[in-house]
N, C-alpha and C. Protein backbone atom coordinates (compact mmCIF):
# COMPACT_ATOMS: atom_id res chain seq x y z
N UNK A 1 0.84 -1.17 0.00
CA UNK A 1 0.00 0.00 0.00
C UNK A 1 0.89 1.25 0.00
N UNK A 2 0.46 2.29 -0.67
CA UNK A 2 1.22 3.52 -0.81
C UNK A 2 0.87 4.50 0.31
N UNK A 3 1.88 5.12 0.91
CA UNK A 3 1.66 6.15 1.93
C UNK A 3 1.55 7.49 1.21
N UNK A 4 0.33 7.98 1.04
CA UNK A 4 0.07 9.20 0.28
C UNK A 4 0.78 10.40 0.90
N UNK A 5 0.89 10.44 2.22
CA UNK A 5 1.49 11.60 2.88
C UNK A 5 2.96 11.77 2.54
N UNK A 6 3.62 10.73 2.04
CA UNK A 6 5.03 10.81 1.69
C UNK A 6 5.26 11.09 0.21
N UNK A 7 4.18 11.30 -0.55
CA UNK A 7 4.33 11.58 -1.98
C UNK A 7 4.96 12.95 -2.17
N UNK A 8 5.77 13.10 -3.21
CA UNK A 8 6.51 14.35 -3.44
C UNK A 8 5.60 15.55 -3.72
N UNK A 9 4.38 15.33 -4.18
CA UNK A 9 3.48 16.44 -4.47
C UNK A 9 2.64 16.88 -3.27
N UNK A 10 2.69 16.14 -2.18
CA UNK A 10 1.93 16.50 -0.98
C UNK A 10 2.78 17.46 -0.16
N UNK A 11 2.24 18.66 0.15
CA UNK A 11 3.03 19.61 0.92
C UNK A 11 3.25 19.13 2.36
N UNK A 12 4.22 19.73 3.02
CA UNK A 12 4.56 19.36 4.40
C UNK A 12 3.42 19.76 5.34
N UNK A 13 2.96 18.81 6.15
CA UNK A 13 1.92 19.03 7.15
C UNK A 13 2.53 18.80 8.53
N UNK A 14 2.38 19.77 9.43
CA UNK A 14 2.94 19.68 10.77
C UNK A 14 1.89 20.09 11.79
N UNK A 15 1.71 19.29 12.83
CA UNK A 15 0.79 19.64 13.91
C UNK A 15 1.46 20.68 14.80
N UNK A 16 0.76 21.80 15.05
CA UNK A 16 1.31 22.85 15.90
C UNK A 16 1.13 22.51 17.37
N UNK A 17 2.13 22.86 18.19
CA UNK A 17 1.94 22.73 19.64
C UNK A 17 1.19 23.97 20.12
N UNK A 18 0.75 23.96 21.36
CA UNK A 18 -0.12 25.03 21.88
C UNK A 18 0.57 26.40 21.86
N UNK A 19 1.87 26.47 22.12
CA UNK A 19 2.57 27.75 22.10
C UNK A 19 2.60 28.35 20.70
N UNK A 20 2.92 27.52 19.70
CA UNK A 20 2.95 27.98 18.32
C UNK A 20 1.55 28.42 17.88
N UNK A 21 0.55 27.65 18.28
CA UNK A 21 -0.83 27.96 17.92
C UNK A 21 -1.24 29.31 18.50
N UNK A 22 -0.92 29.56 19.76
CA UNK A 22 -1.25 30.84 20.39
C UNK A 22 -0.65 32.00 19.61
N UNK A 23 0.62 31.85 19.20
CA UNK A 23 1.28 32.91 18.42
C UNK A 23 0.55 33.17 17.11
N UNK A 24 0.13 32.11 16.42
CA UNK A 24 -0.59 32.26 15.15
C UNK A 24 -1.93 32.96 15.38
N UNK A 25 -2.67 32.52 16.39
CA UNK A 25 -3.98 33.11 16.66
C UNK A 25 -3.87 34.59 17.03
N UNK A 26 -2.84 34.94 17.80
CA UNK A 26 -2.63 36.34 18.17
C UNK A 26 -2.21 37.15 16.95
N UNK A 27 -1.29 36.62 16.15
CA UNK A 27 -0.83 37.33 14.95
C UNK A 27 -1.97 37.66 14.00
N UNK A 28 -2.88 36.72 13.82
CA UNK A 28 -3.99 36.90 12.89
C UNK A 28 -5.25 37.44 13.56
N UNK A 29 -5.21 37.58 14.90
CA UNK A 29 -6.36 38.07 15.67
C UNK A 29 -7.63 37.28 15.36
N UNK A 30 -7.51 35.95 15.49
CA UNK A 30 -8.63 35.05 15.21
C UNK A 30 -8.75 34.02 16.33
N UNK A 31 -9.83 33.29 16.30
CA UNK A 31 -10.05 32.14 17.18
C UNK A 31 -9.72 30.87 16.40
N UNK A 32 -9.48 29.81 17.13
CA UNK A 32 -9.17 28.52 16.50
C UNK A 32 -10.26 28.12 15.50
N UNK A 33 -11.52 28.35 15.85
CA UNK A 33 -12.64 27.92 15.00
C UNK A 33 -12.79 28.78 13.74
N UNK A 34 -12.07 29.90 13.66
CA UNK A 34 -12.12 30.75 12.47
C UNK A 34 -11.24 30.19 11.34
N UNK A 35 -10.36 29.27 11.67
CA UNK A 35 -9.45 28.70 10.66
C UNK A 35 -10.20 27.82 9.68
N UNK A 36 -9.70 27.72 8.45
CA UNK A 36 -10.28 26.75 7.51
C UNK A 36 -10.15 25.34 8.08
N UNK A 37 -11.00 24.44 7.65
CA UNK A 37 -11.04 23.09 8.22
C UNK A 37 -10.38 22.06 7.29
N UNK A 38 -9.94 20.96 7.91
CA UNK A 38 -9.44 19.80 7.17
C UNK A 38 -9.96 18.56 7.90
N UNK A 39 -10.45 17.59 7.16
CA UNK A 39 -11.00 16.39 7.79
C UNK A 39 -9.90 15.47 8.29
N UNK A 40 -10.17 14.82 9.42
CA UNK A 40 -9.21 13.90 10.04
C UNK A 40 -8.85 12.76 9.09
N UNK A 41 -9.76 12.41 8.20
CA UNK A 41 -9.52 11.29 7.28
C UNK A 41 -8.65 11.68 6.09
N UNK A 42 -8.27 12.95 5.98
CA UNK A 42 -7.42 13.39 4.87
C UNK A 42 -6.11 12.61 4.92
N UNK A 43 -5.76 11.91 3.87
CA UNK A 43 -4.56 11.07 3.89
C UNK A 43 -3.25 11.84 4.03
N UNK A 44 -3.25 13.13 3.77
CA UNK A 44 -2.01 13.91 3.88
C UNK A 44 -1.68 14.28 5.33
N UNK A 45 -2.65 14.16 6.24
CA UNK A 45 -2.40 14.53 7.63
C UNK A 45 -1.41 13.59 8.30
N UNK A 46 -0.60 14.13 9.22
CA UNK A 46 0.29 13.25 9.99
C UNK A 46 -0.53 12.30 10.86
N UNK A 47 0.03 11.16 11.18
CA UNK A 47 -0.68 10.16 11.98
C UNK A 47 -1.05 10.67 13.36
N UNK A 48 -0.27 11.61 13.90
CA UNK A 48 -0.53 12.09 15.26
C UNK A 48 -1.55 13.22 15.32
N UNK A 49 -2.11 13.64 14.18
CA UNK A 49 -3.11 14.71 14.16
C UNK A 49 -4.43 14.17 14.70
N UNK A 50 -5.01 14.93 15.63
CA UNK A 50 -6.29 14.56 16.22
C UNK A 50 -7.30 15.68 16.00
N UNK A 51 -8.58 15.36 16.16
CA UNK A 51 -9.62 16.36 16.03
C UNK A 51 -9.35 17.48 17.03
N UNK A 52 -9.40 18.73 16.55
CA UNK A 52 -9.13 19.89 17.39
C UNK A 52 -7.73 20.44 17.23
N UNK A 53 -6.82 19.66 16.66
CA UNK A 53 -5.46 20.14 16.42
C UNK A 53 -5.45 21.12 15.25
N UNK A 54 -4.41 21.94 15.21
CA UNK A 54 -4.21 22.84 14.08
C UNK A 54 -2.95 22.39 13.35
N UNK A 55 -3.07 22.29 12.02
CA UNK A 55 -1.98 21.80 11.19
C UNK A 55 -1.43 22.95 10.35
N UNK A 56 -0.11 23.06 10.33
CA UNK A 56 0.58 24.05 9.49
C UNK A 56 0.96 23.34 8.19
N UNK A 57 0.57 23.94 7.06
CA UNK A 57 0.86 23.35 5.76
C UNK A 57 1.77 24.32 5.00
N UNK A 58 2.93 23.83 4.58
CA UNK A 58 3.90 24.66 3.85
C UNK A 58 3.93 24.17 2.41
N UNK A 59 3.50 25.06 1.51
CA UNK A 59 3.42 24.73 0.08
C UNK A 59 4.41 25.56 -0.72
N UNK A 60 4.82 25.04 -1.86
CA UNK A 60 5.58 25.84 -2.80
C UNK A 60 4.66 26.87 -3.42
N UNK A 61 5.21 28.04 -3.72
CA UNK A 61 4.41 29.11 -4.30
C UNK A 61 5.16 29.74 -5.47
N UNK A 62 4.45 30.09 -6.49
CA UNK A 62 5.07 30.73 -7.65
C UNK A 62 5.49 32.16 -7.34
N UNK A 63 4.72 32.82 -6.48
CA UNK A 63 4.98 34.24 -6.22
C UNK A 63 5.83 34.50 -4.98
N UNK A 64 5.75 33.63 -3.98
CA UNK A 64 6.49 33.85 -2.74
C UNK A 64 7.17 32.57 -2.32
N UNK A 65 8.15 32.13 -2.89
CA UNK A 65 8.86 30.89 -2.63
C UNK A 65 8.05 29.82 -1.88
N UNK A 66 7.53 30.15 -0.69
CA UNK A 66 6.66 29.21 0.04
C UNK A 66 5.44 29.95 0.57
N UNK A 67 4.35 29.21 0.73
CA UNK A 67 3.11 29.74 1.29
C UNK A 67 2.74 28.88 2.49
N UNK A 68 2.39 29.52 3.59
CA UNK A 68 2.02 28.79 4.80
C UNK A 68 0.54 29.02 5.07
N UNK A 69 -0.17 27.92 5.28
CA UNK A 69 -1.59 27.98 5.63
C UNK A 69 -1.82 27.11 6.86
N UNK A 70 -2.90 27.40 7.57
CA UNK A 70 -3.23 26.66 8.78
C UNK A 70 -4.63 26.10 8.63
N UNK A 71 -4.81 24.87 9.13
CA UNK A 71 -6.12 24.21 9.06
C UNK A 71 -6.45 23.58 10.41
N UNK A 72 -7.73 23.66 10.78
CA UNK A 72 -8.23 23.02 11.99
C UNK A 72 -8.73 21.63 11.63
N UNK A 73 -8.27 20.62 12.35
CA UNK A 73 -8.66 19.23 12.08
C UNK A 73 -10.05 18.98 12.66
N UNK A 74 -10.96 18.50 11.82
CA UNK A 74 -12.32 18.14 12.25
C UNK A 74 -12.57 16.69 11.90
N UNK A 75 -13.72 16.16 12.38
CA UNK A 75 -14.04 14.74 12.11
C UNK A 75 -14.36 14.48 10.70
């Protein structure tokens, strides 16, 4: 079976710890629930991601070398 999360086209997904999450929420002046959502069953998520966690996704970008987005893990 193929591990989709290790495919070269899947961007890096990292679960944020609470300190990093607080910094992001303060920087953007938002609540955790204001973040875009990602389902727990998404094959690109790390195995340790649980419902309620926030995942940092680092993608390649044509205009700004890399683009960072954050997603809240839901069921």
